[in-house]
C-alpha atoms as a PDB file:
ATOM      1  CA  MET A   1     -16.641  73.700 -53.331  1.00  0.00           C
ATOM      2  CA  SER A   2     -20.038  73.205 -54.858  1.00  0.00           C
ATOM      3  CA  LEU A   3     -21.438  74.662 -58.264  1.00  0.00           C
ATOM      4  CA  VAL A   4     -25.005  75.537 -58.307  1.00  0.00           C
ATOM      5  CA  VAL A   5     -26.796  75.306 -61.840  1.00  0.00           C
ATOM      6  CA  ALA A   6     -30.517  75.958 -62.686  1.00  0.00           C
ATOM      7  CA  THR A   7     -32.806  76.084 -65.521  1.00  0.00           C
ATOM      8  CA  TYR A   8     -36.069  78.079 -65.816  1.00  0.00           C
ATOM      9  CA  ASN A   9     -38.601  78.565 -68.482  1.00  0.00           C
ATOM     10  CA  VAL A  10     -39.884  82.226 -67.581  1.00  0.00           C
ATOM     11  CA  HIS A  11     -43.001  82.097 -69.921  1.00  0.00           C
ATOM     12  CA  ASP A  12     -42.192  85.596 -71.388  1.00  0.00           C
ATOM     13  CA  CYS A  13     -42.338  86.847 -67.681  1.00  0.00           C
ATOM     14  CA  ILE A  14     -46.149  86.198 -67.619  1.00  0.00           C
ATOM     15  CA  GLY A  15     -47.371  84.387 -64.600  1.00  0.00           C
ATOM     16  CA  ARG A  16     -50.372  82.108 -64.086  1.00  0.00           C
ATOM     17  CA  ASP A  17     -52.558  85.114 -63.177  1.00  0.00           C
ATOM     18  CA  GLY A  18     -52.020  86.460 -66.715  1.00  0.00           C
ATOM     19  CA  ARG A  19     -49.868  89.368 -65.530  1.00  0.00           C
ATOM     20  CA  TYR A  20     -46.507  90.404 -66.972  1.00  0.00           C
ATOM     21  CA  ASP A  21     -44.123  90.942 -64.196  1.00  0.00           C
ATOM     22  CA  PRO A  22     -40.354  90.585 -65.013  1.00  0.00           C
ATOM     23  CA  GLU A  23     -39.718  91.675 -61.196  1.00  0.00           C
ATOM     24  CA  ARG A  24     -41.217  88.379 -60.157  1.00  0.00           C
ATOM     25  CA  VAL A  25     -38.900  86.653 -62.457  1.00  0.00           C
ATOM     26  CA  LEU A  26     -36.093  88.630 -60.970  1.00  0.00           C
ATOM     27  CA  THR A  27     -36.995  87.645 -57.420  1.00  0.00           C
ATOM     28  CA  ILE A  28     -37.008  83.854 -58.402  1.00  0.00           C
ATOM     29  CA  ILE A  29     -33.650  84.329 -60.245  1.00  0.00           C
ATOM     30  CA  ARG A  30     -32.029  85.978 -57.025  1.00  0.00           C
ATOM     31  CA  GLU A  31     -33.422  83.171 -54.894  1.00  0.00           C
ATOM     32  CA  LEU A  32     -32.140  80.511 -56.838  1.00  0.00           C
ATOM     33  CA  ASP A  33     -28.614  81.998 -56.278  1.00  0.00           C
ATOM     34  CA  ALA A  34     -27.028  79.725 -59.261  1.00  0.00           C
ATOM     35  CA  ASP A  35     -23.626  80.267 -60.609  1.00  0.00           C
ATOM     36  CA  LEU A  36     -25.078  79.175 -63.970  1.00  0.00           C
ATOM     37  CA  ILE A  37     -28.898  79.574 -65.099  1.00  0.00           C
ATOM     38  CA  ALA A  38     -30.406  78.786 -68.269  1.00  0.00           C
ATOM     39  CA  LEU A  39     -33.595  80.792 -69.271  1.00  0.00           C
ATOM     40  CA  GLN A  40     -36.028  79.930 -71.883  1.00  0.00           C
ATOM     41  CA  GLU A  41     -38.986  81.969 -73.341  1.00  0.00           C
ATOM     42  CA  LEU A  42     -37.386  85.387 -72.580  1.00  0.00           C
ATOM     43  CA  GLN A  43     -38.007  88.384 -74.342  1.00  0.00           C
ATOM     44  CA  TRP A  44     -35.709  91.264 -74.493  1.00  0.00           C
ATOM     45  CA  GLU A  45     -35.010  94.698 -76.519  1.00  0.00           C
ATOM     46  CA  PRO A  46     -31.365  95.435 -77.166  1.00  0.00           C
ATOM     47  CA  GLU A  47     -32.168  98.744 -78.567  1.00  0.00           C
ATOM     48  CA  VAL A  48     -34.101 100.151 -75.415  1.00  0.00           C
ATOM     49  CA  ALA A  49     -32.822 101.586 -72.147  1.00  0.00           C
ATOM     50  CA  LEU A  50     -34.463  98.792 -70.073  1.00  0.00           C
ATOM     51  CA  ASP A  51     -33.112  95.831 -71.968  1.00  0.00           C
ATOM     52  CA  LEU A  52     -34.626  93.101 -69.653  1.00  0.00           C
ATOM     53  CA  LEU A  53     -31.834  90.493 -70.220  1.00  0.00           C
ATOM     54  CA  GLN A  54     -29.185  93.101 -69.233  1.00  0.00           C
ATOM     55  CA  HIS A  55     -31.358  94.360 -66.551  1.00  0.00           C
ATOM     56  CA  PHE A  56     -31.445  90.891 -64.886  1.00  0.00           C
ATOM     57  CA  ALA A  57     -27.755  90.506 -65.244  1.00  0.00           C
ATOM     58  CA  SER A  58     -26.710  94.001 -63.915  1.00  0.00           C
ATOM     59  CA  ARG A  59     -29.158  93.715 -60.995  1.00  0.00           C
ATOM     60  CA  LEU A  60     -27.798  90.174 -60.068  1.00  0.00           C
ATOM     61  CA  HIS A  61     -24.190  90.753 -61.110  1.00  0.00           C
ATOM     62  CA  TYR A  62     -24.152  88.154 -63.760  1.00  0.00           C
ATOM     63  CA  ARG A  63     -22.826  88.048 -67.348  1.00  0.00           C
ATOM     64  CA  ALA A  64     -25.598  87.561 -70.077  1.00  0.00           C
ATOM     65  CA  VAL A  65     -25.297  85.295 -72.928  1.00  0.00           C
ATOM     66  CA  PRO A  66     -28.176  85.800 -75.416  1.00  0.00           C
ATOM     67  CA  GLY A  67     -29.355  82.938 -77.630  1.00  0.00           C
ATOM     68  CA  PRO A  68     -32.515  84.394 -79.387  1.00  0.00           C
ATOM     69  CA  THR A  69     -34.673  81.965 -81.655  1.00  0.00           C
ATOM     70  CA  LEU A  70     -36.890  84.639 -82.749  1.00  0.00           C
ATOM     71  CA  LEU A  71     -36.017  88.153 -83.975  1.00  0.00           C
ATOM     72  CA  ARG A  72     -39.157  90.323 -83.460  1.00  0.00           C
ATOM     73  CA  ARG A  73     -39.864  93.824 -84.222  1.00  0.00           C
ATOM     74  CA  ASN A  74     -40.677  94.406 -80.421  1.00  0.00           C
ATOM     75  CA  GLY A  75     -37.529  92.469 -79.393  1.00  0.00           C
ATOM     76  CA  HIS A  76     -35.642  89.302 -79.396  1.00  0.00           C
ATOM     77  CA  TYR A  77     -37.203  86.152 -77.970  1.00  0.00           C
ATOM     78  CA  GLY A  78     -35.693  82.588 -76.885  1.00  0.00           C
ATOM     79  CA  ASN A  79     -32.799  81.520 -74.688  1.00  0.00           C
ATOM     80  CA  ALA A  80     -30.127  83.040 -72.684  1.00  0.00           C
ATOM     81  CA  ILE A  81     -27.894  82.114 -70.110  1.00  0.00           C
ATOM     82  CA  LEU A  82     -26.737  84.009 -67.124  1.00  0.00           C
ATOM     83  CA  THR A  83     -23.404  83.124 -65.510  1.00  0.00           C
ATOM     84  CA  ARG A  84     -21.058  84.236 -62.744  1.00  0.00           C
ATOM     85  CA  LEU A  85     -18.237  81.979 -63.949  1.00  0.00           C
ATOM     86  CA  PRO A  86     -15.621  83.042 -66.325  1.00  0.00           C
ATOM     87  CA  VAL A  87     -16.569  82.279 -69.995  1.00  0.00           C
ATOM     88  CA  ARG A  88     -13.783  80.668 -72.276  1.00  0.00           C
ATOM     89  CA  ASN A  89     -15.933  80.235 -75.503  1.00  0.00           C
ATOM     90  CA  ILE A  90     -19.510  80.830 -76.678  1.00  0.00           C
ATOM     91  CA  ARG A  91     -21.054  78.820 -79.631  1.00  0.00           C
ATOM     92  CA  ARG A  92     -24.733  78.855 -80.844  1.00  0.00           C
ATOM     93  CA  VAL A  93     -26.116  75.986 -82.364  1.00  0.00           C
ATOM     94  CA  ASP A  94     -29.019  75.858 -84.685  1.00  0.00           C
ATOM     95  CA  LEU A  95     -31.609  73.284 -83.781  1.00  0.00           C
ATOM     96  CA  SER A  96     -34.275  74.520 -86.106  1.00  0.00           C
ATOM     97  CA  ILE A  97     -36.438  71.973 -88.150  1.00  0.00           C
ATOM     98  CA  PRO A  98     -38.256  73.299 -91.455  1.00  0.00           C
ATOM     99  CA  HIS A  99     -41.570  74.537 -91.002  1.00  0.00           C
ATOM    100  CA  ARG A 100     -41.484  74.275 -87.156  1.00  0.00           C
ATOM    101  CA  GLU A 101     -40.695  77.081 -84.614  1.00  0.00           C
ATOM    102  CA  PRO A 102     -37.026  77.927 -84.751  1.00  0.00           C
ATOM    103  CA  ARG A 103     -34.910  76.482 -81.909  1.00  0.00           C
ATOM    104  CA  ALA A 104     -31.301  76.781 -80.677  1.00  0.00           C
ATOM    105  CA  ALA A 105     -28.827  75.884 -78.072  1.00  0.00           C
ATOM    106  CA  ILE A 106     -26.227  78.086 -76.160  1.00  0.00           C
ATOM    107  CA  ASP A 107     -22.991  76.120 -75.968  1.00  0.00           C
ATOM    108  CA  LEU A 108     -20.712  77.493 -73.408  1.00  0.00           C
ATOM    109  CA  SER A 109     -17.075  76.597 -72.051  1.00  0.00           C
ATOM    110  CA  VAL A 110     -16.698  78.135 -68.534  1.00  0.00           C
ATOM    111  CA  ASP A 111     -14.289  77.742 -65.760  1.00  0.00           C
ATOM    112  CA  SER A 112     -15.858  76.090 -62.536  1.00  0.00           C
ATOM    113  CA  PRO A 113     -15.206  74.712 -59.283  1.00  0.00           C
ATOM    114  CA  CYS A 114     -15.625  71.171 -60.950  1.00  0.00           C
ATOM    115  CA  GLY A 115     -12.996  72.189 -63.584  1.00  0.00           C
ATOM    116  CA  PRO A 116     -13.442  73.419 -67.186  1.00  0.00           C
ATOM    117  CA  LEU A 117     -16.944  72.978 -67.897  1.00  0.00           C
ATOM    118  CA  ARG A 118     -18.898  72.441 -71.266  1.00  0.00           C
ATOM    119  CA  ALA A 119     -22.379  73.649 -70.566  1.00  0.00           C
ATOM    120  CA  ILE A 120     -25.123  73.481 -73.404  1.00  0.00           C
ATOM    121  CA  GLY A 121     -28.396  75.288 -72.612  1.00  0.00           C
ATOM    122  CA  THR A 122     -31.542  74.696 -74.771  1.00  0.00           C
ATOM    123  CA  HIS A 123     -35.193  74.680 -75.390  1.00  0.00           C
ATOM    124  CA  LEU A 124     -36.308  71.811 -77.836  1.00  0.00           C
ATOM    125  CA  GLY A 125     -39.361  71.560 -80.006  1.00  0.00           C
ATOM    126  CA  LEU A 126     -42.960  70.404 -79.230  1.00  0.00           C
ATOM    127  CA  PHE A 127     -43.150  67.422 -81.491  1.00  0.00           C
ATOM    128  CA  PRO A 128     -41.294  63.983 -81.027  1.00  0.00           C
ATOM    129  CA  GLY A 129     -39.666  63.781 -84.372  1.00  0.00           C
ATOM    130  CA  GLU A 130     -38.370  67.248 -84.046  1.00  0.00           C
ATOM    131  CA  ARG A 131     -37.027  66.423 -80.613  1.00  0.00           C
ATOM    132  CA  ARG A 132     -35.221  63.325 -81.860  1.00  0.00           C
ATOM    133  CA  LYS A 133     -33.459  65.274 -84.487  1.00  0.00           C
ATOM    134  CA  GLN A 134     -32.286  68.079 -82.067  1.00  0.00           C
ATOM    135  CA  MET A 135     -31.237  65.704 -79.552  1.00  0.00           C
ATOM    136  CA  THR A 136     -29.153  63.647 -82.101  1.00  0.00           C
ATOM    137  CA  ARG A 137     -27.465  66.970 -82.768  1.00  0.00           C
ATOM    138  CA  LEU A 138     -26.654  67.806 -79.144  1.00  0.00           C
ATOM    139  CA  LEU A 139     -25.579  64.374 -78.407  1.00  0.00           C
ATOM    140  CA  SER A 140     -23.173  64.560 -81.390  1.00  0.00           C
ATOM    141  CA  ILE A 141     -21.731  67.827 -79.957  1.00  0.00           C
ATOM    142  CA  LEU A 142     -21.460  66.148 -76.503  1.00  0.00           C
ATOM    143  CA  ALA A 143     -19.801  63.212 -77.803  1.00  0.00           C
ATOM    144  CA  ASP A 144     -16.778  65.159 -78.421  1.00  0.00           C
ATOM    145  CA  ALA A 145     -16.669  67.181 -74.927  1.00  0.00           C
ATOM    146  CA  PRO A 146     -14.543  65.769 -72.295  1.00  0.00           C
ATOM    147  CA  PRO A 147     -16.275  65.668 -68.828  1.00  0.00           C
ATOM    148  CA  PRO A 148     -17.532  67.549 -66.962  1.00  0.00           C
ATOM    149  CA  ALA A 149     -20.223  68.426 -69.322  1.00  0.00           C
ATOM    150  CA  LEU A 150     -23.863  69.782 -68.630  1.00  0.00           C
ATOM    151  CA  LEU A 151     -27.128  69.877 -70.669  1.00  0.00           C
ATOM    152  CA  PHE A 152     -29.803  72.070 -69.081  1.00  0.00           C
ATOM    153  CA  GLY A 153     -32.942  73.425 -70.337  1.00  0.00           C
ATOM    154  CA  ASP A 154     -36.444  72.688 -71.460  1.00  0.00           C
ATOM    155  CA  LEU A 155     -36.432  69.649 -73.188  1.00  0.00           C
ATOM    156  CA  ASN A 156     -40.312  69.315 -73.831  1.00  0.00           C
ATOM    157  CA  GLU A 157     -39.817  65.649 -73.481  1.00  0.00           C
ATOM    158  CA  TRP A 158     -42.572  63.943 -71.534  1.00  0.00           C
ATOM    159  CA  PHE A 159     -42.162  60.410 -72.929  1.00  0.00           C
ATOM    160  CA  LEU A 160     -40.119  58.812 -70.380  1.00  0.00           C
ATOM    161  CA  TRP A 161     -39.873  55.593 -72.271  1.00  0.00           C
ATOM    162  CA  GLY A 162     -38.946  57.390 -75.696  1.00  0.00           C
ATOM    163  CA  ARG A 163     -35.728  57.119 -77.673  1.00  0.00           C
ATOM    164  CA  PRO A 164     -34.500  60.602 -76.686  1.00  0.00           C
ATOM    165  CA  PHE A 165     -34.400  59.732 -72.962  1.00  0.00           C
ATOM    166  CA  ARG A 166     -32.789  56.464 -73.603  1.00  0.00           C
ATOM    167  CA  TRP A 167     -30.090  58.247 -75.526  1.00  0.00           C
ATOM    168  CA  LEU A 168     -29.703  60.770 -72.745  1.00  0.00           C
ATOM    169  CA  ARG A 169     -29.559  58.049 -69.942  1.00  0.00           C
ATOM    170  CA  ASN A 170     -26.847  56.145 -72.111  1.00  0.00           C
ATOM    171  CA  HIS A 171     -24.694  59.320 -72.206  1.00  0.00           C
ATOM    172  CA  PHE A 172     -25.129  60.658 -68.867  1.00  0.00           C
ATOM    173  CA  GLY A 173     -26.577  57.959 -66.615  1.00  0.00           C
ATOM    174  CA  HIS A 174     -29.631  58.087 -64.693  1.00  0.00           C
ATOM    175  CA  ILE A 175     -30.753  61.355 -63.420  1.00  0.00           C
ATOM    176  CA  PRO A 176     -34.179  61.796 -61.219  1.00  0.00           C
ATOM    177  CA  ASP A 177     -37.285  62.615 -63.054  1.00  0.00           C
ATOM    178  CA  ILE A 178     -38.580  65.646 -61.372  1.00  0.00           C
ATOM    179  CA  ALA A 179     -41.816  67.145 -62.508  1.00  0.00           C
ATOM    180  CA  THR A 180     -41.744  70.911 -63.200  1.00  0.00           C
ATOM    181  CA  TYR A 181     -44.833  71.636 -65.288  1.00  0.00           C
ATOM    182  CA  PRO A 182     -47.346  72.788 -64.744  1.00  0.00           C
ATOM    183  CA  SER A 183     -46.355  74.797 -61.781  1.00  0.00           C
ATOM    184  CA  ILE A 184     -49.356  74.840 -59.893  1.00  0.00           C
ATOM    185  CA  LEU A 185     -49.486  71.020 -59.745  1.00  0.00           C
ATOM    186  CA  PRO A 186     -46.337  69.823 -61.528  1.00  0.00           C
ATOM    187  CA  LEU A 187     -47.107  66.273 -63.355  1.00  0.00           C
ATOM    188  CA  PHE A 188     -44.333  66.294 -66.205  1.00  0.00           C
ATOM    189  CA  PRO A 189     -40.536  66.654 -65.804  1.00  0.00           C
ATOM    190  CA  LEU A 190     -40.071  68.752 -68.962  1.00  0.00           C
ATOM    191  CA  ASP A 191     -37.036  70.850 -67.546  1.00  0.00           C
ATOM    192  CA  ARG A 192     -33.756  69.062 -66.999  1.00  0.00           C
ATOM    193  CA  ILE A 193     -30.421  69.162 -65.838  1.00  0.00           C
ATOM    194  CA  TRP A 194     -28.020  66.305 -67.126  1.00  0.00           C
ATOM    195  CA  VAL A 195     -24.461  66.265 -65.849  1.00  0.00           C
ATOM    196  CA  LYS A 196     -21.444  63.933 -66.601  1.00  0.00           C
ATOM    197  CA  PRO A 197     -19.807  62.472 -64.581  1.00  0.00           C
ATOM    198  CA  ARG A 198     -23.111  61.568 -62.977  1.00  0.00           C
ATOM    199  CA  GLU A 199     -21.140  61.461 -59.684  1.00  0.00           C
ATOM    200  CA  LEU A 200     -20.780  65.386 -59.631  1.00  0.00           C
ATOM    201  CA  LEU A 201     -24.690  65.587 -58.835  1.00  0.00           C
ATOM    202  CA  ALA A 202     -25.085  66.140 -55.151  1.00  0.00           C
ATOM    203  CA  ASP A 203     -28.693  67.326 -55.247  1.00  0.00           C
ATOM    204  CA  ILE A 204     -31.453  68.103 -57.680  1.00  0.00           C
ATOM    205  CA  ALA A 205     -34.889  69.574 -56.977  1.00  0.00           C
ATOM    206  CA  ALA A 206     -37.705  71.621 -58.098  1.00  0.00           C
ATOM    207  CA  TYR A 207     -37.812  75.116 -56.606  1.00  0.00           C
ATOM    208  CA  SER A 208     -41.316  75.233 -55.642  1.00  0.00           C
ATOM    209  CA  THR A 209     -42.252  78.286 -53.465  1.00  0.00           C
ATOM    210  CA  PRO A 210     -45.503  79.937 -53.542  1.00  0.00           C
ATOM    211  CA  LEU A 211     -44.130  82.865 -55.799  1.00  0.00           C
ATOM    212  CA  ALA A 212     -42.623  80.344 -58.154  1.00  0.00           C
ATOM    213  CA  ARG A 213     -45.815  78.429 -58.629  1.00  0.00           C
ATOM    214  CA  GLU A 214     -47.302  82.008 -59.734  1.00  0.00           C
ATOM    215  CA  THR A 215     -44.457  83.344 -61.629  1.00  0.00           C
ATOM    216  CA  SER A 216     -44.460  81.163 -64.794  1.00  0.00           C
ATOM    217  CA  ASP A 217     -46.115  77.972 -65.855  1.00  0.00           C
ATOM    218  CA  HIS A 218     -42.861  76.187 -65.262  1.00  0.00           C
ATOM    219  CA  LEU A 219     -41.153  75.584 -61.934  1.00  0.00           C
ATOM    220  CA  PRO A 220     -37.243  76.249 -61.995  1.00  0.00           C
ATOM    221  CA  LEU A 221     -35.052  73.186 -61.734  1.00  0.00           C
ATOM    222  CA  ARG A 222     -32.059  73.624 -59.480  1.00  0.00           C
ATOM    223  CA  ALA A 223     -29.003  71.276 -59.030  1.00  0.00           C
ATOM    224  CA  VAL A 224     -25.833  71.319 -56.869  1.00  0.00           C
ATOM    225  CA  LEU A 225     -22.769  70.024 -58.398  1.00  0.00           C
ATOM    226  CA  LYS A 226     -19.630  69.022 -56.110  1.00  0.00           C
ATOM    227  CA  PRO A 227     -16.247  67.712 -57.283  1.00  0.00           C
ATOM    228  CA  ALA A 228     -15.696  64.063 -56.462  1.00  0.00           C
ATOM    229  CA  ASP A 229     -13.221  64.827 -53.854  1.00  0.00           C
ATOM    230  CA  SER A 230     -15.025  67.699 -52.131  1.00  0.00           C
ATOM    231  CA  SER A 231     -16.636  65.339 -49.569  1.00  0.00           C
ATOM    232  CA  SER A 232     -13.290  64.774 -47.810  1.00  0.00           C
ATOM    233  CA  ASN A 233     -12.770  68.692 -47.419  1.00  0.00           C
ATOM    234  CA  PRO A 234     -14.118  70.484 -44.316  1.00  0.00           C
END
């Protein structure tokens, strides 16, 4: 039995045409058909009837796990995870660096077809020094996590030769570099799905449909994980 995971920077539900349209985002999430999906740059308003995060969750039969990084007057903003999997534990990790935009990660323990899974969804900072500190923090958490373990989100890292990627490859092994940004003509692999053990990764690809290219400035990234012995099952 396979497990489908995805990550998607929804750009505040504003498409390349400048139009705010959460229903387009909802359509893309439905098409991804992932068991576990990390969202970034989502804004929602828990105090109003149409709470966007809960709207997505209820329409698509997910459990929503919020991880806001900014608490605004007009609503929360930041990370979220949607999951169909039973959740055992939720931890929220502050990755903020002084004088920079607040950043965080959602650290979940879930039951999955691949066994008990540790899944961390995040959105890292824009500056290299900022990301190095944030990656050091995340890898220190993952060092204590028995496999299978998953790190997914918008890592904002385009220096393929930089230290954060060397650290990630040392921990997870080599995962293909798949460009997801900008959505109309992807050049940079900003969005990532890292899994340990590497052998679980059966497939990984950007989700590049005409609608996905219009709905956000990032393409979603989707991966299929399979237990090591699943290939022997019919």
